[in-house]
PDB file of all heavy atoms in Angstrom:
ATOM      1  N   ARG A   1       5.479 -12.157  78.128  1.00  0.00           N
ATOM      2  CA  ARG A   1       4.858 -13.476  77.943  1.00  0.00           C
ATOM      3  C   ARG A   1       3.340 -13.399  78.117  1.00  0.00           C
ATOM      4  O   ARG A   1       2.591 -14.059  77.383  1.00  0.00           O
ATOM      5  CB  ARG A   1       5.437 -14.482  78.959  1.00  0.00           C
ATOM      6  CG  ARG A   1       6.868 -14.904  78.677  1.00  0.00           C
ATOM      7  CD  ARG A   1       7.244 -16.115  79.521  1.00  0.00           C
ATOM      8  NE  ARG A   1       7.152 -15.872  80.952  1.00  0.00           N
ATOM      9  CZ  ARG A   1       8.142 -15.403  81.713  1.00  0.00           C
ATOM     10  NH1 ARG A   1       9.308 -15.102  81.150  1.00  0.00           N
ATOM     11  NH2 ARG A   1       7.970 -15.247  83.005  1.00  0.00           N
ATOM     12  N   ASN A   2       2.890 -12.594  79.072  1.00  0.00           N
ATOM     13  CA  ASN A   2       1.457 -12.570  79.382  1.00  0.00           C
ATOM     14  C   ASN A   2       0.632 -11.775  78.377  1.00  0.00           C
ATOM     15  O   ASN A   2      -0.588 -11.953  78.331  1.00  0.00           O
ATOM     16  CB  ASN A   2       1.241 -12.024  80.784  1.00  0.00           C
ATOM     17  CG  ASN A   2       1.407 -13.071  81.861  1.00  0.00           C
ATOM     18  OD1 ASN A   2       0.504 -13.846  82.126  1.00  0.00           O
ATOM     19  ND2 ASN A   2       2.596 -13.126  82.473  1.00  0.00           N
ATOM     20  N   ILE A   3       1.262 -10.926  77.594  1.00  0.00           N
ATOM     21  CA  ILE A   3       0.490 -10.193  76.581  1.00  0.00           C
ATOM     22  C   ILE A   3       0.776 -10.695  75.171  1.00  0.00           C
ATOM     23  O   ILE A   3       0.343 -10.078  74.199  1.00  0.00           O
ATOM     24  CB  ILE A   3       0.737  -8.670  76.670  1.00  0.00           C
ATOM     25  CG1 ILE A   3       2.198  -8.325  76.387  1.00  0.00           C
ATOM     26  CG2 ILE A   3       0.287  -8.140  78.021  1.00  0.00           C
ATOM     27  CD1 ILE A   3       2.446  -6.825  76.298  1.00  0.00           C
ATOM     28  N   THR A   4       1.475 -11.813  75.078  1.00  0.00           N
ATOM     29  CA  THR A   4       1.699 -12.415  73.753  1.00  0.00           C
ATOM     30  C   THR A   4       0.357 -12.696  73.085  1.00  0.00           C
ATOM     31  O   THR A   4      -0.549 -13.250  73.697  1.00  0.00           O
ATOM     32  CB  THR A   4       2.489 -13.727  73.904  1.00  0.00           C
ATOM     33  OG1 THR A   4       3.780 -13.448  74.462  1.00  0.00           O
ATOM     34  CG2 THR A   4       2.674 -14.406  72.545  1.00  0.00           C
ATOM     35  N   GLY A   5       0.243 -12.275  71.835  1.00  0.00           N
ATOM     36  CA  GLY A   5      -0.999 -12.493  71.101  1.00  0.00           C
ATOM     37  C   GLY A   5      -2.020 -11.408  71.299  1.00  0.00           C
ATOM     38  O   GLY A   5      -3.054 -11.391  70.602  1.00  0.00           O
ATOM     39  N   ARG A   6      -1.788 -10.484  72.234  1.00  0.00           N
ATOM     40  CA  ARG A   6      -2.736  -9.399  72.463  1.00  0.00           C
ATOM     41  C   ARG A   6      -2.021  -8.070  72.628  1.00  0.00           C
ATOM     42  O   ARG A   6      -2.568  -7.129  73.215  1.00  0.00           O
ATOM     43  CB  ARG A   6      -3.617  -9.704  73.671  1.00  0.00           C
ATOM     44  CG  ARG A   6      -2.865  -9.900  74.965  1.00  0.00           C
ATOM     45  CD  ARG A   6      -3.666 -10.683  76.007  1.00  0.00           C
ATOM     46  NE  ARG A   6      -5.020 -10.246  76.185  1.00  0.00           N
ATOM     47  CZ  ARG A   6      -5.951 -10.908  76.894  1.00  0.00           C
ATOM     48  NH1 ARG A   6      -5.635 -12.034  77.481  1.00  0.00           N
ATOM     49  NH2 ARG A   6      -7.168 -10.455  77.015  1.00  0.00           N
ATOM     50  N   ARG A   7      -0.795  -7.987  72.118  1.00  0.00           N
ATOM     51  CA  ARG A   7      -0.006  -6.772  72.286  1.00  0.00           C
ATOM     52  C   ARG A   7      -0.736  -5.540  71.780  1.00  0.00           C
ATOM     53  O   ARG A   7      -0.721  -4.478  72.432  1.00  0.00           O
ATOM     54  CB  ARG A   7       1.334  -6.915  71.544  1.00  0.00           C
ATOM     55  CG  ARG A   7       2.187  -5.625  71.530  1.00  0.00           C
ATOM     56  CD  ARG A   7       2.654  -5.264  72.926  1.00  0.00           C
ATOM     57  NE  ARG A   7       3.288  -3.944  72.990  1.00  0.00           N
ATOM     58  CZ  ARG A   7       2.662  -2.817  73.285  1.00  0.00           C
ATOM     59  NH1 ARG A   7       1.349  -2.824  73.521  1.00  0.00           N
ATOM     60  NH2 ARG A   7       3.314  -1.678  73.350  1.00  0.00           N
ATOM     61  N   ALA A   8      -1.381  -5.629  70.628  1.00  0.00           N
ATOM     62  CA  ALA A   8      -2.046  -4.456  70.041  1.00  0.00           C
ATOM     63  C   ALA A   8      -3.210  -3.987  70.884  1.00  0.00           C
ATOM     64  O   ALA A   8      -3.644  -2.831  70.781  1.00  0.00           O
ATOM     65  CB  ALA A   8      -2.505  -4.759  68.621  1.00  0.00           C
ATOM     66  N   ASP A   9      -3.739  -4.854  71.744  1.00  0.00           N
ATOM     67  CA  ASP A   9      -4.897  -4.509  72.573  1.00  0.00           C
ATOM     68  C   ASP A   9      -4.491  -4.119  73.981  1.00  0.00           C
ATOM     69  O   ASP A   9      -5.355  -3.815  74.814  1.00  0.00           O
ATOM     70  CB  ASP A   9      -5.861  -5.688  72.643  1.00  0.00           C
ATOM     71  CG  ASP A   9      -6.385  -6.082  71.286  1.00  0.00           C
ATOM     72  OD1 ASP A   9      -6.660  -5.181  70.475  1.00  0.00           O
ATOM     73  OD2 ASP A   9      -6.505  -7.291  71.018  1.00  0.00           O
ATOM     74  N   PHE A  10      -3.190  -4.110  74.261  1.00  0.00           N
ATOM     75  CA  PHE A  10      -2.719  -3.849  75.619  1.00  0.00           C
ATOM     76  C   PHE A  10      -1.852  -2.601  75.613  1.00  0.00           C
ATOM     77  O   PHE A  10      -0.925  -2.474  74.805  1.00  0.00           O
ATOM     78  CB  PHE A  10      -1.932  -5.033  76.167  1.00  0.00           C
ATOM     79  CG  PHE A  10      -1.815  -5.029  77.668  1.00  0.00           C
ATOM     80  CD1 PHE A  10      -2.825  -5.574  78.445  1.00  0.00           C
ATOM     81  CD2 PHE A  10      -0.708  -4.473  78.294  1.00  0.00           C
ATOM     82  CE1 PHE A  10      -2.721  -5.566  79.840  1.00  0.00           C
ATOM     83  CE2 PHE A  10      -0.613  -4.460  79.675  1.00  0.00           C
ATOM     84  CZ  PHE A  10      -1.616  -5.017  80.454  1.00  0.00           C
ATOM     85  N   VAL A  11      -2.147  -1.678  76.510  1.00  0.00           N
ATOM     86  CA  VAL A  11      -1.455  -0.392  76.565  1.00  0.00           C
ATOM     87  C   VAL A  11      -0.334  -0.465  77.602  1.00  0.00           C
ATOM     88  O   VAL A  11      -0.594  -0.638  78.802  1.00  0.00           O
ATOM     89  CB  VAL A  11      -2.425   0.753  76.913  1.00  0.00           C
ATOM     90  CG1 VAL A  11      -1.677   2.070  77.060  1.00  0.00           C
ATOM     91  CG2 VAL A  11      -3.514   0.853  75.854  1.00  0.00           C
ATOM     92  N   LEU A  12       0.901  -0.318  77.142  1.00  0.00           N
ATOM     93  CA  LEU A  12       2.058  -0.332  78.022  1.00  0.00           C
ATOM     94  C   LEU A  12       2.540   1.094  78.258  1.00  0.00           C
ATOM     95  O   LEU A  12       2.883   1.806  77.316  1.00  0.00           O
ATOM     96  CB  LEU A  12       3.197  -1.164  77.410  1.00  0.00           C
ATOM     97  CG  LEU A  12       3.051  -2.681  77.451  1.00  0.00           C
ATOM     98  CD1 LEU A  12       4.224  -3.324  76.712  1.00  0.00           C
ATOM     99  CD2 LEU A  12       2.967  -3.182  78.883  1.00  0.00           C
ATOM    100  N   GLN A  13       2.549   1.481  79.509  1.00  0.00           N
ATOM    101  CA  GLN A  13       3.103   2.753  79.928  1.00  0.00           C
ATOM    102  C   GLN A  13       4.437   2.433  80.596  1.00  0.00           C
ATOM    103  O   GLN A  13       4.472   1.931  81.715  1.00  0.00           O
ATOM    104  CB  GLN A  13       2.147   3.433  80.914  1.00  0.00           C
ATOM    105  CG  GLN A  13       2.661   4.723  81.526  1.00  0.00           C
ATOM    106  CD  GLN A  13       1.648   5.344  82.458  1.00  0.00           C
ATOM    107  OE1 GLN A  13       0.689   5.979  82.030  1.00  0.00           O
ATOM    108  NE2 GLN A  13       1.848   5.180  83.769  1.00  0.00           N
ATOM    109  N   ALA A  14       5.528   2.665  79.897  1.00  0.00           N
ATOM    110  CA  ALA A  14       6.844   2.274  80.409  1.00  0.00           C
ATOM    111  C   ALA A  14       7.740   3.502  80.500  1.00  0.00           C
ATOM    112  O   ALA A  14       7.595   4.456  79.745  1.00  0.00           O
ATOM    113  CB  ALA A  14       7.462   1.207  79.517  1.00  0.00           C
ATOM    114  N   HIS A  15       8.693   3.457  81.413  1.00  0.00           N
ATOM    115  CA  HIS A  15       9.411   4.656  81.805  1.00  0.00           C
ATOM    116  C   HIS A  15      10.794   4.767  81.173  1.00  0.00           C
ATOM    117  O   HIS A  15      11.579   3.823  81.202  1.00  0.00           O
ATOM    118  CB  HIS A  15       9.535   4.721  83.324  1.00  0.00           C
ATOM    119  CG  HIS A  15       8.229   4.936  84.016  1.00  0.00           C
ATOM    120  ND1 HIS A  15       8.067   5.869  85.015  1.00  0.00           N
ATOM    121  CD2 HIS A  15       7.001   4.386  83.838  1.00  0.00           C
ATOM    122  CE1 HIS A  15       6.804   5.853  85.450  1.00  0.00           C
ATOM    123  NE2 HIS A  15       6.156   4.947  84.728  1.00  0.00           N
ATOM    124  N   LEU A  16      11.047   5.949  80.622  1.00  0.00           N
ATOM    125  CA  LEU A  16      12.393   6.342  80.252  1.00  0.00           C
ATOM    126  C   LEU A  16      13.068   6.879  81.520  1.00  0.00           C
ATOM    127  O   LEU A  16      12.407   7.413  82.401  1.00  0.00           O
ATOM    128  CB  LEU A  16      12.356   7.434  79.184  1.00  0.00           C
ATOM    129  CG  LEU A  16      11.559   7.116  77.914  1.00  0.00           C
ATOM    130  CD1 LEU A  16      11.521   8.342  77.012  1.00  0.00           C
ATOM    131  CD2 LEU A  16      12.130   5.922  77.179  1.00  0.00           C
ATOM    132  N   CYS A  17      14.382   6.779  81.578  1.00  0.00           N
ATOM    133  CA  CYS A  17      15.166   7.288  82.704  1.00  0.00           C
ATOM    134  C   CYS A  17      15.181   6.336  83.893  1.00  0.00           C
ATOM    135  O   CYS A  17      15.444   6.746  85.031  1.00  0.00           O
ATOM    136  CB  CYS A  17      14.726   8.678  83.152  1.00  0.00           C
ATOM    137  SG  CYS A  17      14.808   9.921  81.853  1.00  0.00           S
ATOM    138  N   THR A  18      14.873   5.063  83.680  1.00  0.00           N
ATOM    139  CA  THR A  18      15.120   4.062  84.703  1.00  0.00           C
ATOM    140  C   THR A  18      16.016   2.999  84.091  1.00  0.00           C
ATOM    141  O   THR A  18      15.871   2.647  82.909  1.00  0.00           O
ATOM    142  CB  THR A  18      13.835   3.395  85.219  1.00  0.00           C
ATOM    143  OG1 THR A  18      13.217   2.645  84.183  1.00  0.00           O
ATOM    144  CG2 THR A  18      12.865   4.429  85.752  1.00  0.00           C
ATOM    145  N   ALA A  19      16.958   2.494  84.874  1.00  0.00           N
ATOM    146  CA  ALA A  19      17.919   1.488  84.375  1.00  0.00           C
ATOM    147  C   ALA A  19      18.088   0.392  85.426  1.00  0.00           C
ATOM    148  O   ALA A  19      17.789   0.601  86.609  1.00  0.00           O
ATOM    149  CB  ALA A  19      19.264   2.145  84.074  1.00  0.00           C
ATOM    150  N   TRP A  20      18.559  -0.764  84.959  1.00  0.00           N
ATOM    151  CA  TRP A  20      18.810  -1.892  85.858  1.00  0.00           C
ATOM    152  C   TRP A  20      20.325  -2.117  85.912  1.00  0.00           C
ATOM    153  O   TRP A  20      20.943  -2.469  84.924  1.00  0.00           O
ATOM    154  CB  TRP A  20      18.122  -3.143  85.309  1.00  0.00           C
ATOM    155  CG  TRP A  20      18.081  -4.299  86.254  1.00  0.00           C
ATOM    156  CD1 TRP A  20      18.782  -5.472  86.164  1.00  0.00           C
ATOM    157  CD2 TRP A  20      17.281  -4.425  87.438  1.00  0.00           C
ATOM    158  NE1 TRP A  20      18.484  -6.295  87.197  1.00  0.00           N
ATOM    159  CE2 TRP A  20      17.553  -5.696  88.011  1.00  0.00           C
ATOM    160  CE3 TRP A  20      16.355  -3.582  88.064  1.00  0.00           C
ATOM    161  CZ2 TRP A  20      16.937  -6.137  89.175  1.00  0.00           C
ATOM    162  CZ3 TRP A  20      15.748  -4.026  89.218  1.00  0.00           C
ATOM    163  CH2 TRP A  20      16.038  -5.285  89.758  1.00  0.00           C
ATOM    164  N   GLN A  21      20.877  -1.857  87.071  1.00  0.00           N
ATOM    165  CA  GLN A  21      22.337  -1.971  87.231  1.00  0.00           C
ATOM    166  C   GLN A  21      22.665  -2.729  88.510  1.00  0.00           C
ATOM    167  O   GLN A  21      22.147  -2.410  89.583  1.00  0.00           O
ATOM    168  CB  GLN A  21      22.981  -0.580  87.266  1.00  0.00           C
ATOM    169  CG  GLN A  21      22.871   0.173  85.948  1.00  0.00           C
ATOM    170  CD  GLN A  21      23.593   1.512  85.969  1.00  0.00           C
ATOM    171  OE1 GLN A  21      24.246   1.844  86.955  1.00  0.00           O
ATOM    172  NE2 GLN A  21      23.501   2.255  84.894  1.00  0.00           N
ATOM    173  N   ASN A  22      23.522  -3.744  88.368  1.00  0.00           N
ATOM    174  CA  ASN A  22      23.958  -4.546  89.505  1.00  0.00           C
ATOM    175  C   ASN A  22      22.774  -5.131  90.282  1.00  0.00           C
ATOM    176  O   ASN A  22      22.767  -5.170  91.517  1.00  0.00           O
ATOM    177  CB  ASN A  22      24.834  -3.714  90.452  1.00  0.00           C
ATOM    178  CG  ASN A  22      26.057  -3.148  89.749  1.00  0.00           C
ATOM    179  OD1 ASN A  22      26.725  -3.865  88.986  1.00  0.00           O
ATOM    180  ND2 ASN A  22      26.368  -1.878  89.993  1.00  0.00           N
ATOM    181  N   GLY A  23      21.753  -5.544  89.490  1.00  0.00           N
ATOM    182  CA  GLY A  23      20.588  -6.168  90.117  1.00  0.00           C
ATOM    183  C   GLY A  23      19.674  -5.218  90.854  1.00  0.00           C
ATOM    184  O   GLY A  23      18.854  -5.643  91.667  1.00  0.00           O
ATOM    185  N   GLN A  24      19.790  -3.919  90.556  1.00  0.00           N
ATOM    186  CA  GLN A  24      18.977  -2.926  91.262  1.00  0.00           C
ATOM    187  C   GLN A  24      18.419  -1.870  90.309  1.00  0.00           C
ATOM    188  O   GLN A  24      19.003  -1.592  89.264  1.00  0.00           O
ATOM    189  CB  GLN A  24      19.794  -2.215  92.353  1.00  0.00           C
ATOM    190  CG  GLN A  24      20.191  -3.113  93.507  1.00  0.00           C
ATOM    191  CD  GLN A  24      20.885  -2.330  94.611  1.00  0.00           C
ATOM    192  OE1 GLN A  24      21.495  -1.302  94.352  1.00  0.00           O
ATOM    193  NE2 GLN A  24      20.766  -2.795  95.844  1.00  0.00           N
ATOM    194  N   TYR A  25      17.276  -1.299  90.721  1.00  0.00           N
ATOM    195  CA  TYR A  25      16.684  -0.173  90.011  1.00  0.00           C
ATOM    196  C   TYR A  25      17.515   1.077  90.213  1.00  0.00           C
ATOM    197  O   TYR A  25      18.023   1.348  91.298  1.00  0.00           O
ATOM    198  CB  TYR A  25      15.260   0.042  90.556  1.00  0.00           C
ATOM    199  CG  TYR A  25      14.741   1.459  90.526  1.00  0.00           C
ATOM    200  CD1 TYR A  25      14.106   1.963  89.394  1.00  0.00           C
ATOM    201  CD2 TYR A  25      14.871   2.292  91.636  1.00  0.00           C
ATOM    202  CE1 TYR A  25      13.619   3.272  89.387  1.00  0.00           C
ATOM    203  CE2 TYR A  25      14.370   3.579  91.639  1.00  0.00           C
ATOM    204  CZ  TYR A  25      13.745   4.061  90.510  1.00  0.00           C
ATOM    205  OH  TYR A  25      13.268   5.343  90.495  1.00  0.00           O
ATOM    206  N   LYS A  26      17.643   1.857  89.153  1.00  0.00           N
ATOM    207  CA  LYS A  26      18.363   3.142  89.236  1.00  0.00           C
ATOM    208  C   LYS A  26      17.609   4.172  88.401  1.00  0.00           C
ATOM    209  O   LYS A  26      17.314   3.919  87.220  1.00  0.00           O
ATOM    210  CB  LYS A  26      19.792   2.993  88.714  1.00  0.00           C
ATOM    211  CG  LYS A  26      20.558   4.312  88.658  1.00  0.00           C
ATOM    212  CD  LYS A  26      21.918   4.143  87.993  1.00  0.00           C
ATOM    213  CE  LYS A  26      22.649   5.478  87.864  1.00  0.00           C
ATOM    214  NZ  LYS A  26      23.946   5.332  87.165  1.00  0.00           N
ATOM    215  N   ALA A  27      17.311   5.321  89.004  1.00  0.00           N
ATOM    216  CA  ALA A  27      16.801   6.455  88.236  1.00  0.00           C
ATOM    217  C   ALA A  27      18.007   7.178  87.651  1.00  0.00           C
ATOM    218  O   ALA A  27      18.975   7.467  88.357  1.00  0.00           O
ATOM    219  CB  ALA A  27      16.005   7.400  89.130  1.00  0.00           C
ATOM    220  N   THR A  28      17.984   7.459  86.351  1.00  0.00           N
ATOM    221  CA  THR A  28      19.146   8.053  85.691  1.00  0.00           C
ATOM    222  C   THR A  28      18.727   9.128  84.719  1.00  0.00           C
ATOM    223  O   THR A  28      17.642   9.063  84.130  1.00  0.00           O
ATOM    224  CB  THR A  28      19.958   6.975  84.943  1.00  0.00           C
ATOM    225  OG1 THR A  28      21.079   7.595  84.302  1.00  0.00           O
ATOM    226  CG2 THR A  28      19.111   6.265  83.881  1.00  0.00           C
ATOM    227  N   ARG A  29      19.572  10.144  84.557  1.00  0.00           N
ATOM    228  CA  ARG A  29      19.387  11.187  83.539  1.00  0.00           C
ATOM    229  C   ARG A  29      20.535  11.155  82.549  1.00  0.00           C
ATOM    230  O   ARG A  29      20.644  12.051  81.718  1.00  0.00           O
ATOM    231  CB  ARG A  29      19.297  12.564  84.205  1.00  0.00           C
ATOM    232  CG  ARG A  29      18.303  12.650  85.346  1.00  0.00           C
ATOM    233  CD  ARG A  29      16.885  12.305  84.961  1.00  0.00           C
ATOM    234  NE  ARG A  29      16.023  12.210  86.145  1.00  0.00           N
ATOM    235  CZ  ARG A  29      14.737  11.891  86.127  1.00  0.00           C
ATOM    236  NH1 ARG A  29      14.152  11.609  84.972  1.00  0.00           N
ATOM    237  NH2 ARG A  29      14.030  11.828  87.237  1.00  0.00           N
ATOM    238  N   ASP A  30      21.369  10.127  82.657  1.00  0.00           N
ATOM    239  CA  ASP A  30      22.463   9.962  81.703  1.00  0.00           C
ATOM    240  C   ASP A  30      21.904   9.402  80.392  1.00  0.00           C
ATOM    241  O   ASP A  30      21.336   8.312  80.379  1.00  0.00           O
ATOM    242  CB  ASP A  30      23.512   9.017  82.280  1.00  0.00           C
ATOM    243  CG  ASP A  30      24.695   8.816  81.342  1.00  0.00           C
ATOM    244  OD1 ASP A  30      24.594   7.941  80.453  1.00  0.00           O
ATOM    245  OD2 ASP A  30      25.692   9.549  81.494  1.00  0.00           O
ATOM    246  N   LEU A  31      22.053  10.143  79.307  1.00  0.00           N
ATOM    247  CA  LEU A  31      21.400   9.784  78.055  1.00  0.00           C
ATOM    248  C   LEU A  31      21.830   8.421  77.553  1.00  0.00           C
ATOM    249  O   LEU A  31      20.997   7.648  77.050  1.00  0.00           O
ATOM    250  CB  LEU A  31      21.670  10.855  76.989  1.00  0.00           C
ATOM    251  CG  LEU A  31      20.937  10.676  75.657  1.00  0.00           C
ATOM    252  CD1 LEU A  31      19.439  10.580  75.865  1.00  0.00           C
ATOM    253  CD2 LEU A  31      21.276  11.824  74.702  1.00  0.00           C
ATOM    254  N   THR A  32      23.088   8.087  77.669  1.00  0.00           N
ATOM    255  CA  THR A  32      23.557   6.780  77.226  1.00  0.00           C
ATOM    256  C   THR A  32      22.884   5.667  78.018  1.00  0.00           C
ATOM    257  O   THR A  32      22.435   4.659  77.433  1.00  0.00           O
ATOM    258  CB  THR A  32      25.083   6.681  77.359  1.00  0.00           C
ATOM    259  OG1 THR A  32      25.695   7.684  76.544  1.00  0.00           O
ATOM    260  CG2 THR A  32      25.574   5.301  76.910  1.00  0.00           C
ATOM    261  N   GLU A  33      22.792   5.832  79.323  1.00  0.00           N
ATOM    262  CA  GLU A  33      22.118   4.826  80.151  1.00  0.00           C
ATOM    263  C   GLU A  33      20.633   4.733  79.812  1.00  0.00           C
ATOM    264  O   GLU A  33      20.058   3.633  79.774  1.00  0.00           O
ATOM    265  CB  GLU A  33      22.298   5.171  81.639  1.00  0.00           C
ATOM    266  CG  GLU A  33      23.721   5.015  82.140  1.00  0.00           C
ATOM    267  CD  GLU A  33      23.860   5.330  83.606  1.00  0.00           C
ATOM    268  OE1 GLU A  33      22.927   5.950  84.196  1.00  0.00           O
ATOM    269  OE2 GLU A  33      24.896   4.960  84.184  1.00  0.00           O
TER     270      GLU A  33
END
């Protein structure tokens, strides 16, 4: 919501291998997850 309209000007560094399960953060190496 906060970068709406400025997505191209904002750099997102987001992580692979993290998942949200049962309301909690989980580090995972399971490819499907």
